[in-house]
């Protein structure tokens, strides 16, 4: 797997939170449940099956506690040995919860026909992502024929600070809140074009505030151009984002925005009314 793709497939810090002081002092907070979720979250940063010791280390737990949790999750079908018996991987029962999360989310099911229409209109990849603090988590990915496997993975997450949809989301937040989110992000470069400087990012955020959408070139993947806009709820709060991605060899940023933005903005407006 290419290095830049492998980096994208890893989750940001938001996807694997450790117990903090507030949670540990909360009388309703169940630490045993939290430890179980930390074991499941240990797989966010790996690209292969994990041994018991590796799970314990990634989860920040002792081996004895990890062993009991792994055994319980394996008995319930949430963890399993991979088919070559090299280590543990998430089990089939995880997919039941993915299905529940998608069917009970009040924006996802109504979004399907709108996203399909948008993909037909623009003939480029169309993504719908949900917002989780510093990252966007893909819930739907509708690829054109040329796309490869990693570009179709639901659940893949990308950072807000260096994505067109992320800039559009930040543009709808108060400036200090947007800056705080940027400062808390692990701002690494995915390509030579990735923006990591706070002021450079805020320039893109301001452009998105003026236009309602943002365009990014080679921010995450070489050769990719993307345009993104946020979906708002009835109170004007950003709750999701839609991204359309193409090849930078096919488009200039100006032509891409001119050709794609009308359909994009029409779709996010319709999603905000579902």
C-alpha atoms as a PDB file:
ATOM      1  CA  UNK A   1       0.000   0.000   0.000  1.00  0.00           C
ATOM      2  CA  UNK A   2       1.470   3.446  -0.909  1.00  0.00           C
ATOM      3  CA  UNK A   3       2.725   5.413   2.096  1.00  0.00           C
ATOM      4  CA  UNK A   4       0.371   8.362   1.619  1.00  0.00           C
ATOM      5  CA  UNK A   5      -2.624   6.013   1.427  1.00  0.00           C
ATOM      6  CA  UNK A   6      -1.519   4.161   4.549  1.00  0.00           C
ATOM      7  CA  UNK A   7      -1.317   7.462   6.433  1.00  0.00           C
ATOM      8  CA  UNK A   8      -4.821   8.383   5.319  1.00  0.00           C
ATOM      9  CA  UNK A   9      -6.211   5.069   6.490  1.00  0.00           C
ATOM     10  CA  UNK A  10      -5.088   5.790  10.020  1.00  0.00           C
ATOM     11  CA  UNK A  11      -7.492   7.532  12.369  1.00  0.00           C
ATOM     12  CA  UNK A  12      -6.890  10.918  13.928  1.00  0.00           C
ATOM     13  CA  UNK A  13      -6.613  11.318  17.693  1.00  0.00           C
ATOM     14  CA  UNK A  14     -10.345  12.047  17.905  1.00  0.00           C
ATOM     15  CA  UNK A  15     -11.070   8.456  16.905  1.00  0.00           C
ATOM     16  CA  UNK A  16      -9.210   6.914  19.848  1.00  0.00           C
ATOM     17  CA  UNK A  17      -9.714   9.013  22.966  1.00  0.00           C
ATOM     18  CA  UNK A  18      -8.126   8.109  26.286  1.00  0.00           C
ATOM     19  CA  UNK A  19      -9.892   8.414  29.610  1.00  0.00           C
ATOM     20  CA  UNK A  20      -9.606  11.967  30.919  1.00  0.00           C
ATOM     21  CA  UNK A  21      -9.995  13.312  34.447  1.00  0.00           C
ATOM     22  CA  UNK A  22     -13.539  14.548  33.877  1.00  0.00           C
ATOM     23  CA  UNK A  23     -14.682  11.107  32.719  1.00  0.00           C
ATOM     24  CA  UNK A  24     -12.975   9.287  35.580  1.00  0.00           C
ATOM     25  CA  UNK A  25     -14.637  11.605  38.119  1.00  0.00           C
ATOM     26  CA  UNK A  26     -18.090  11.169  36.565  1.00  0.00           C
ATOM     27  CA  UNK A  27     -20.177   8.880  38.854  1.00  0.00           C
ATOM     28  CA  UNK A  28     -22.146   7.539  35.860  1.00  0.00           C
ATOM     29  CA  UNK A  29     -19.041   6.798  33.800  1.00  0.00           C
ATOM     30  CA  UNK A  30     -18.259   3.059  33.565  1.00  0.00           C
ATOM     31  CA  UNK A  31     -14.508   2.569  33.339  1.00  0.00           C
ATOM     32  CA  UNK A  32     -14.893  -1.113  32.410  1.00  0.00           C
ATOM     33  CA  UNK A  33     -16.942  -0.135  29.363  1.00  0.00           C
ATOM     34  CA  UNK A  34     -14.402   2.532  28.465  1.00  0.00           C
ATOM     35  CA  UNK A  35     -11.542   0.007  28.675  1.00  0.00           C
ATOM     36  CA  UNK A  36     -13.447  -2.295  26.328  1.00  0.00           C
ATOM     37  CA  UNK A  37     -13.845   0.503  23.792  1.00  0.00           C
ATOM     38  CA  UNK A  38     -10.139   1.335  24.139  1.00  0.00           C
ATOM     39  CA  UNK A  39      -9.330  -2.253  23.150  1.00  0.00           C
ATOM     40  CA  UNK A  40     -11.556  -1.976  20.081  1.00  0.00           C
ATOM     41  CA  UNK A  41      -9.997   1.413  19.265  1.00  0.00           C
ATOM     42  CA  UNK A  42      -6.520  -0.129  19.355  1.00  0.00           C
ATOM     43  CA  UNK A  43      -7.090  -1.280  15.772  1.00  0.00           C
ATOM     44  CA  UNK A  44      -7.444   2.292  14.474  1.00  0.00           C
ATOM     45  CA  UNK A  45      -3.676   2.701  14.062  1.00  0.00           C
ATOM     46  CA  UNK A  46      -2.719  -0.645  12.578  1.00  0.00           C
ATOM     47  CA  UNK A  47      -2.692  -2.109   9.089  1.00  0.00           C
ATOM     48  CA  UNK A  48      -2.345  -5.766  10.135  1.00  0.00           C
ATOM     49  CA  UNK A  49      -3.649  -8.244  12.740  1.00  0.00           C
ATOM     50  CA  UNK A  50      -2.520  -7.484  16.293  1.00  0.00           C
ATOM     51  CA  UNK A  51      -1.109  -9.667  19.044  1.00  0.00           C
ATOM     52  CA  UNK A  52      -2.400  -9.456  22.605  1.00  0.00           C
ATOM     53  CA  UNK A  53       0.664  -7.493  23.678  1.00  0.00           C
ATOM     54  CA  UNK A  54       0.254  -5.043  20.806  1.00  0.00           C
ATOM     55  CA  UNK A  55      -3.412  -4.477  21.688  1.00  0.00           C
ATOM     56  CA  UNK A  56      -2.518  -3.865  25.337  1.00  0.00           C
ATOM     57  CA  UNK A  57       0.189  -1.389  24.380  1.00  0.00           C
ATOM     58  CA  UNK A  58      -2.025   0.501  21.905  1.00  0.00           C
ATOM     59  CA  UNK A  59      -4.932   0.631  24.374  1.00  0.00           C
ATOM     60  CA  UNK A  60      -2.719   1.712  27.272  1.00  0.00           C
ATOM     61  CA  UNK A  61      -3.882  -1.199  29.439  1.00  0.00           C
ATOM     62  CA  UNK A  62      -2.087  -3.968  31.306  1.00  0.00           C
ATOM     63  CA  UNK A  63      -1.850  -7.375  29.675  1.00  0.00           C
ATOM     64  CA  UNK A  64      -4.115  -9.118  32.207  1.00  0.00           C
ATOM     65  CA  UNK A  65      -7.028  -6.695  31.702  1.00  0.00           C
ATOM     66  CA  UNK A  66      -6.529  -6.773  27.945  1.00  0.00           C
ATOM     67  CA  UNK A  67      -6.550 -10.557  27.887  1.00  0.00           C
ATOM     68  CA  UNK A  68      -9.910 -10.712  29.686  1.00  0.00           C
ATOM     69  CA  UNK A  69     -11.453  -8.065  27.458  1.00  0.00           C
ATOM     70  CA  UNK A  70     -10.142  -9.676  24.267  1.00  0.00           C
ATOM     71  CA  UNK A  71     -11.446 -13.083  25.386  1.00  0.00           C
ATOM     72  CA  UNK A  72     -14.906 -11.624  26.100  1.00  0.00           C
ATOM     73  CA  UNK A  73     -15.060  -9.755  22.813  1.00  0.00           C
ATOM     74  CA  UNK A  74     -13.941 -12.856  20.949  1.00  0.00           C
ATOM     75  CA  UNK A  75     -16.637 -14.939  22.604  1.00  0.00           C
ATOM     76  CA  UNK A  76     -19.236 -12.343  21.565  1.00  0.00           C
ATOM     77  CA  UNK A  77     -17.975 -12.111  17.983  1.00  0.00           C
ATOM     78  CA  UNK A  78     -16.563  -8.579  18.156  1.00  0.00           C
ATOM     79  CA  UNK A  79     -12.973  -9.800  17.783  1.00  0.00           C
ATOM     80  CA  UNK A  80     -11.649 -12.829  15.938  1.00  0.00           C
ATOM     81  CA  UNK A  81      -8.378 -14.377  14.827  1.00  0.00           C
ATOM     82  CA  UNK A  82      -7.523 -13.529  11.237  1.00  0.00           C
ATOM     83  CA  UNK A  83      -7.823 -16.412   8.795  1.00  0.00           C
ATOM     84  CA  UNK A  84      -4.047 -17.026   8.783  1.00  0.00           C
ATOM     85  CA  UNK A  85      -3.988 -17.008  12.631  1.00  0.00           C
ATOM     86  CA  UNK A  86      -1.477 -14.162  12.734  1.00  0.00           C
ATOM     87  CA  UNK A  87      -3.362 -12.170  15.355  1.00  0.00           C
ATOM     88  CA  UNK A  88      -6.654 -10.505  16.262  1.00  0.00           C
ATOM     89  CA  UNK A  89      -8.867  -8.394  13.994  1.00  0.00           C
ATOM     90  CA  UNK A  90     -12.341  -6.853  14.477  1.00  0.00           C
ATOM     91  CA  UNK A  91     -15.090  -9.456  14.151  1.00  0.00           C
ATOM     92  CA  UNK A  92     -18.180  -9.715  11.988  1.00  0.00           C
ATOM     93  CA  UNK A  93     -20.511  -8.456  14.733  1.00  0.00           C
ATOM     94  CA  UNK A  94     -19.030  -4.960  14.331  1.00  0.00           C
ATOM     95  CA  UNK A  95     -20.928  -4.682  11.044  1.00  0.00           C
ATOM     96  CA  UNK A  96     -24.267  -4.982  12.877  1.00  0.00           C
ATOM     97  CA  UNK A  97     -23.494  -1.733  14.688  1.00  0.00           C
ATOM     98  CA  UNK A  98     -22.310  -0.001  11.536  1.00  0.00           C
ATOM     99  CA  UNK A  99     -25.649  -0.893   9.943  1.00  0.00           C
ATOM    100  CA  UNK A 100     -27.568   0.383  12.984  1.00  0.00           C
ATOM    101  CA  UNK A 101     -25.624   3.649  13.048  1.00  0.00           C
ATOM    102  CA  UNK A 102     -26.305   4.271   9.371  1.00  0.00           C
ATOM    103  CA  UNK A 103     -29.981   3.315   9.304  1.00  0.00           C
ATOM    104  CA  UNK A 104     -30.817   5.350  12.428  1.00  0.00           C
ATOM    105  CA  UNK A 105     -28.928   8.494  11.429  1.00  0.00           C
ATOM    106  CA  UNK A 106     -31.631  10.890  10.287  1.00  0.00           C
ATOM    107  CA  UNK A 107     -29.572  12.416   7.465  1.00  0.00           C
ATOM    108  CA  UNK A 108     -27.997   9.359   5.848  1.00  0.00           C
ATOM    109  CA  UNK A 109     -30.953   7.506   4.383  1.00  0.00           C
ATOM    110  CA  UNK A 110     -32.653  10.591   2.876  1.00  0.00           C
ATOM    111  CA  UNK A 111     -29.252  11.576   1.480  1.00  0.00           C
ATOM    112  CA  UNK A 112     -28.900   8.542  -0.806  1.00  0.00           C
ATOM    113  CA  UNK A 113     -31.053   9.718  -3.765  1.00  0.00           C
ATOM    114  CA  UNK A 114     -29.613  13.239  -3.534  1.00  0.00           C
ATOM    115  CA  UNK A 115     -26.030  11.969  -3.605  1.00  0.00           C
ATOM    116  CA  UNK A 116     -26.768   9.605  -6.484  1.00  0.00           C
ATOM    117  CA  UNK A 117     -28.245  12.481  -8.488  1.00  0.00           C
ATOM    118  CA  UNK A 118     -25.235  14.634  -7.680  1.00  0.00           C
ATOM    119  CA  UNK A 119     -22.786  11.933  -8.789  1.00  0.00           C
ATOM    120  CA  UNK A 120     -24.704  11.486 -12.063  1.00  0.00           C
ATOM    121  CA  UNK A 121     -24.611  15.235 -12.666  1.00  0.00           C
ATOM    122  CA  UNK A 122     -20.914  15.780 -11.981  1.00  0.00           C
ATOM    123  CA  UNK A 123     -19.495  12.364 -12.954  1.00  0.00           C
ATOM    124  CA  UNK A 124     -16.863  12.597 -10.219  1.00  0.00           C
ATOM    125  CA  UNK A 125     -16.456  10.980  -6.804  1.00  0.00           C
ATOM    126  CA  UNK A 126     -19.033  12.176  -4.256  1.00  0.00           C
ATOM    127  CA  UNK A 127     -18.558  11.750  -0.495  1.00  0.00           C
ATOM    128  CA  UNK A 128     -20.803  12.484   2.473  1.00  0.00           C
ATOM    129  CA  UNK A 129     -18.974  12.807   5.768  1.00  0.00           C
ATOM    130  CA  UNK A 130     -20.027  13.331   9.373  1.00  0.00           C
ATOM    131  CA  UNK A 131     -18.226  15.703  11.730  1.00  0.00           C
ATOM    132  CA  UNK A 132     -16.299  14.416  14.746  1.00  0.00           C
ATOM    133  CA  UNK A 133     -14.344  17.265  16.333  1.00  0.00           C
ATOM    134  CA  UNK A 134     -11.029  17.420  14.417  1.00  0.00           C
ATOM    135  CA  UNK A 135     -11.990  14.979  11.681  1.00  0.00           C
ATOM    136  CA  UNK A 136     -14.543  14.123   9.031  1.00  0.00           C
ATOM    137  CA  UNK A 137     -15.727  10.502   8.907  1.00  0.00           C
ATOM    138  CA  UNK A 138     -16.943   9.236   5.539  1.00  0.00           C
ATOM    139  CA  UNK A 139     -20.444   7.739   5.747  1.00  0.00           C
ATOM    140  CA  UNK A 140     -21.097   7.430   1.989  1.00  0.00           C
ATOM    141  CA  UNK A 141     -18.621   7.257  -0.906  1.00  0.00           C
ATOM    142  CA  UNK A 142     -19.871   7.109  -4.471  1.00  0.00           C
ATOM    143  CA  UNK A 143     -16.897   6.610  -6.783  1.00  0.00           C
ATOM    144  CA  UNK A 144     -16.563   6.940 -10.555  1.00  0.00           C
ATOM    145  CA  UNK A 145     -15.208   3.881 -12.358  1.00  0.00           C
ATOM    146  CA  UNK A 146     -11.564   4.908 -12.102  1.00  0.00           C
ATOM    147  CA  UNK A 147     -11.439   4.871  -8.295  1.00  0.00           C
ATOM    148  CA  UNK A 148      -9.435   2.333  -6.296  1.00  0.00           C
ATOM    149  CA  UNK A 149     -10.374   0.452  -3.132  1.00  0.00           C
ATOM    150  CA  UNK A 150      -9.134   2.892  -0.505  1.00  0.00           C
ATOM    151  CA  UNK A 151     -11.252   5.665  -2.026  1.00  0.00           C
ATOM    152  CA  UNK A 152     -14.439   3.662  -1.419  1.00  0.00           C
ATOM    153  CA  UNK A 153     -13.928   2.799   2.250  1.00  0.00           C
ATOM    154  CA  UNK A 154     -16.772   3.951   4.492  1.00  0.00           C
ATOM    155  CA  UNK A 155     -15.470   4.869   7.945  1.00  0.00           C
ATOM    156  CA  UNK A 156     -12.205   6.291   6.645  1.00  0.00           C
ATOM    157  CA  UNK A 157     -11.583   9.590   8.412  1.00  0.00           C
ATOM    158  CA  UNK A 158      -9.663  12.651   7.276  1.00  0.00           C
ATOM    159  CA  UNK A 159      -8.579  15.742   9.197  1.00  0.00           C
ATOM    160  CA  UNK A 160     -10.634  18.900   9.043  1.00  0.00           C
ATOM    161  CA  UNK A 161      -7.672  21.311   8.900  1.00  0.00           C
ATOM    162  CA  UNK A 162      -6.508  20.311   5.398  1.00  0.00           C
ATOM    163  CA  UNK A 163      -9.653  19.334   3.509  1.00  0.00           C
ATOM    164  CA  UNK A 164     -12.003  21.409   1.403  1.00  0.00           C
ATOM    165  CA  UNK A 165     -15.031  20.161   3.341  1.00  0.00           C
ATOM    166  CA  UNK A 166     -13.182  20.822   6.583  1.00  0.00           C
ATOM    167  CA  UNK A 167     -12.530  24.432   5.613  1.00  0.00           C
ATOM    168  CA  UNK A 168     -16.214  24.809   4.770  1.00  0.00           C
ATOM    169  CA  UNK A 169     -17.155  23.441   8.204  1.00  0.00           C
ATOM    170  CA  UNK A 170     -14.667  25.743   9.964  1.00  0.00           C
ATOM    171  CA  UNK A 171     -16.076  28.733   8.086  1.00  0.00           C
ATOM    172  CA  UNK A 172     -19.391  28.254   9.877  1.00  0.00           C
ATOM    173  CA  UNK A 173     -17.856  28.290  13.358  1.00  0.00           C
ATOM    174  CA  UNK A 174     -16.941  31.370  15.406  1.00  0.00           C
ATOM    175  CA  UNK A 175     -13.359  32.343  14.564  1.00  0.00           C
ATOM    176  CA  UNK A 176     -11.899  31.448  17.966  1.00  0.00           C
ATOM    177  CA  UNK A 177     -13.607  28.065  17.902  1.00  0.00           C
ATOM    178  CA  UNK A 178     -12.229  27.402  14.423  1.00  0.00           C
ATOM    179  CA  UNK A 179      -8.735  28.459  15.479  1.00  0.00           C
ATOM    180  CA  UNK A 180      -8.915  26.281  18.597  1.00  0.00           C
ATOM    181  CA  UNK A 181      -9.820  23.251  16.486  1.00  0.00           C
ATOM    182  CA  UNK A 182      -6.911  23.949  14.135  1.00  0.00           C
ATOM    183  CA  UNK A 183      -4.476  24.366  17.035  1.00  0.00           C
ATOM    184  CA  UNK A 184      -5.567  21.061  18.583  1.00  0.00           C
ATOM    185  CA  UNK A 185      -5.080  19.196  15.319  1.00  0.00           C
ATOM    186  CA  UNK A 186      -1.993  17.127  14.589  1.00  0.00           C
ATOM    187  CA  UNK A 187      -1.059  19.149  11.520  1.00  0.00           C
ATOM    188  CA  UNK A 188       1.065  16.841   9.409  1.00  0.00           C
ATOM    189  CA  UNK A 189       1.787  17.096   5.705  1.00  0.00           C
ATOM    190  CA  UNK A 190       0.206  14.452   3.475  1.00  0.00           C
ATOM    191  CA  UNK A 191       1.598  16.011   0.290  1.00  0.00           C
ATOM    192  CA  UNK A 192       3.879  18.913  -0.532  1.00  0.00           C
ATOM    193  CA  UNK A 193       0.733  21.068  -0.919  1.00  0.00           C
ATOM    194  CA  UNK A 194      -0.887  20.259   2.442  1.00  0.00           C
ATOM    195  CA  UNK A 195      -1.616  23.405   4.450  1.00  0.00           C
ATOM    196  CA  UNK A 196      -0.399  23.230   8.056  1.00  0.00           C
ATOM    197  CA  UNK A 197       0.117  26.917   8.907  1.00  0.00           C
ATOM    198  CA  UNK A 198      -2.775  28.324  10.936  1.00  0.00           C
ATOM    199  CA  UNK A 199      -3.031  31.586   9.007  1.00  0.00           C
ATOM    200  CA  UNK A 200      -2.875  29.841   5.634  1.00  0.00           C
ATOM    201  CA  UNK A 201      -5.693  27.555   6.740  1.00  0.00           C
ATOM    202  CA  UNK A 202      -7.730  30.493   8.018  1.00  0.00           C
ATOM    203  CA  UNK A 203      -7.333  32.189   4.628  1.00  0.00           C
ATOM    204  CA  UNK A 204      -9.045  29.167   3.066  1.00  0.00           C
ATOM    205  CA  UNK A 205     -11.668  29.263   5.811  1.00  0.00           C
ATOM    206  CA  UNK A 206     -12.426  32.909   5.044  1.00  0.00           C
ATOM    207  CA  UNK A 207     -12.755  32.121   1.333  1.00  0.00           C
ATOM    208  CA  UNK A 208     -15.215  29.368   2.224  1.00  0.00           C
ATOM    209  CA  UNK A 209     -17.139  31.791   4.427  1.00  0.00           C
ATOM    210  CA  UNK A 210     -17.561  34.140   1.481  1.00  0.00           C
ATOM    211  CA  UNK A 211     -18.422  31.522  -1.163  1.00  0.00           C
ATOM    212  CA  UNK A 212     -20.164  28.792   0.855  1.00  0.00           C
ATOM    213  CA  UNK A 213     -17.698  26.171  -0.388  1.00  0.00           C
ATOM    214  CA  UNK A 214     -13.938  25.565  -0.531  1.00  0.00           C
ATOM    215  CA  UNK A 215     -11.605  24.075  -3.121  1.00  0.00           C
ATOM    216  CA  UNK A 216      -8.450  22.172  -2.184  1.00  0.00           C
ATOM    217  CA  UNK A 217      -5.720  20.912  -4.495  1.00  0.00           C
ATOM    218  CA  UNK A 218      -3.541  17.931  -3.502  1.00  0.00           C
ATOM    219  CA  UNK A 219      -4.192  18.412   0.198  1.00  0.00           C
ATOM    220  CA  UNK A 220      -4.456  14.703   1.015  1.00  0.00           C
ATOM    221  CA  UNK A 221      -3.580  12.829  -2.167  1.00  0.00           C
ATOM    222  CA  UNK A 222      -1.278  13.741  -5.056  1.00  0.00           C
ATOM    223  CA  UNK A 223      -3.239  14.533  -8.205  1.00  0.00           C
ATOM    224  CA  UNK A 224      -6.559  15.150  -6.437  1.00  0.00           C
ATOM    225  CA  UNK A 225      -8.697  18.275  -6.505  1.00  0.00           C
ATOM    226  CA  UNK A 226     -11.712  18.516  -4.212  1.00  0.00           C
ATOM    227  CA  UNK A 227     -14.548  20.907  -3.510  1.00  0.00           C
ATOM    228  CA  UNK A 228     -16.524  20.715  -0.283  1.00  0.00           C
ATOM    229  CA  UNK A 229     -19.487  22.359   1.422  1.00  0.00           C
ATOM    230  CA  UNK A 230     -21.126  21.878   4.808  1.00  0.00           C
ATOM    231  CA  UNK A 231     -24.635  20.602   5.527  1.00  0.00           C
ATOM    232  CA  UNK A 232     -26.449  22.678   8.156  1.00  0.00           C
ATOM    233  CA  UNK A 233     -29.210  21.695  10.545  1.00  0.00           C
ATOM    234  CA  UNK A 234     -32.258  23.894  11.202  1.00  0.00           C
ATOM    235  CA  UNK A 235     -30.284  26.004  13.703  1.00  0.00           C
ATOM    236  CA  UNK A 236     -27.491  26.729  11.224  1.00  0.00           C
ATOM    237  CA  UNK A 237     -24.994  24.336  12.852  1.00  0.00           C
ATOM    238  CA  UNK A 238     -22.778  22.246  10.531  1.00  0.00           C
ATOM    239  CA  UNK A 239     -23.631  18.555  10.949  1.00  0.00           C
ATOM    240  CA  UNK A 240     -22.104  16.950   7.849  1.00  0.00           C
ATOM    241  CA  UNK A 241     -20.261  17.783   4.659  1.00  0.00           C
ATOM    242  CA  UNK A 242     -20.330  16.819   0.997  1.00  0.00           C
ATOM    243  CA  UNK A 243     -17.145  16.567  -1.053  1.00  0.00           C
ATOM    244  CA  UNK A 244     -16.693  16.110  -4.791  1.00  0.00           C
ATOM    245  CA  UNK A 245     -13.233  14.997  -5.889  1.00  0.00           C
ATOM    246  CA  UNK A 246     -11.610  14.808  -9.301  1.00  0.00           C
ATOM    247  CA  UNK A 247      -8.172  14.780 -10.891  1.00  0.00           C
ATOM    248  CA  UNK A 248      -6.135  17.968 -10.812  1.00  0.00           C
ATOM    249  CA  UNK A 249      -4.842  17.053 -14.272  1.00  0.00           C
ATOM    250  CA  UNK A 250      -8.399  17.430 -15.598  1.00  0.00           C
ATOM    251  CA  UNK A 251      -9.312  20.687 -13.884  1.00  0.00           C
ATOM    252  CA  UNK A 252      -7.988  24.056 -12.813  1.00  0.00           C
ATOM    253  CA  UNK A 253      -9.365  25.174  -9.436  1.00  0.00           C
ATOM    254  CA  UNK A 254     -11.360  27.925 -11.147  1.00  0.00           C
ATOM    255  CA  UNK A 255     -12.918  25.628 -13.752  1.00  0.00           C
ATOM    256  CA  UNK A 256     -13.658  22.971 -11.143  1.00  0.00           C
ATOM    257  CA  UNK A 257     -15.466  25.446  -8.907  1.00  0.00           C
ATOM    258  CA  UNK A 258     -17.364  26.968 -11.835  1.00  0.00           C
ATOM    259  CA  UNK A 259     -18.526  23.582 -13.137  1.00  0.00           C
ATOM    260  CA  UNK A 260     -19.216  21.775  -9.867  1.00  0.00           C
ATOM    261  CA  UNK A 261     -20.224  24.305  -7.210  1.00  0.00           C
ATOM    262  CA  UNK A 262     -23.832  24.934  -8.405  1.00  0.00           C
ATOM    263  CA  UNK A 263     -24.782  21.242  -8.128  1.00  0.00           C
ATOM    264  CA  UNK A 264     -22.877  20.897  -4.863  1.00  0.00           C
ATOM    265  CA  UNK A 265     -24.597  23.860  -3.221  1.00  0.00           C
ATOM    266  CA  UNK A 266     -28.001  22.691  -4.417  1.00  0.00           C
ATOM    267  CA  UNK A 267     -27.381  19.276  -2.838  1.00  0.00           C
ATOM    268  CA  UNK A 268     -26.191  20.551   0.561  1.00  0.00           C
ATOM    269  CA  UNK A 269     -29.189  22.908   0.692  1.00  0.00           C
ATOM    270  CA  UNK A 270     -31.517  19.978   0.026  1.00  0.00           C
ATOM    271  CA  UNK A 271     -29.753  17.850   2.664  1.00  0.00           C
ATOM    272  CA  UNK A 272     -30.245  20.612   5.188  1.00  0.00           C
ATOM    273  CA  UNK A 273     -34.014  20.316   4.691  1.00  0.00           C
ATOM    274  CA  UNK A 274     -34.313  16.548   5.221  1.00  0.00           C
END
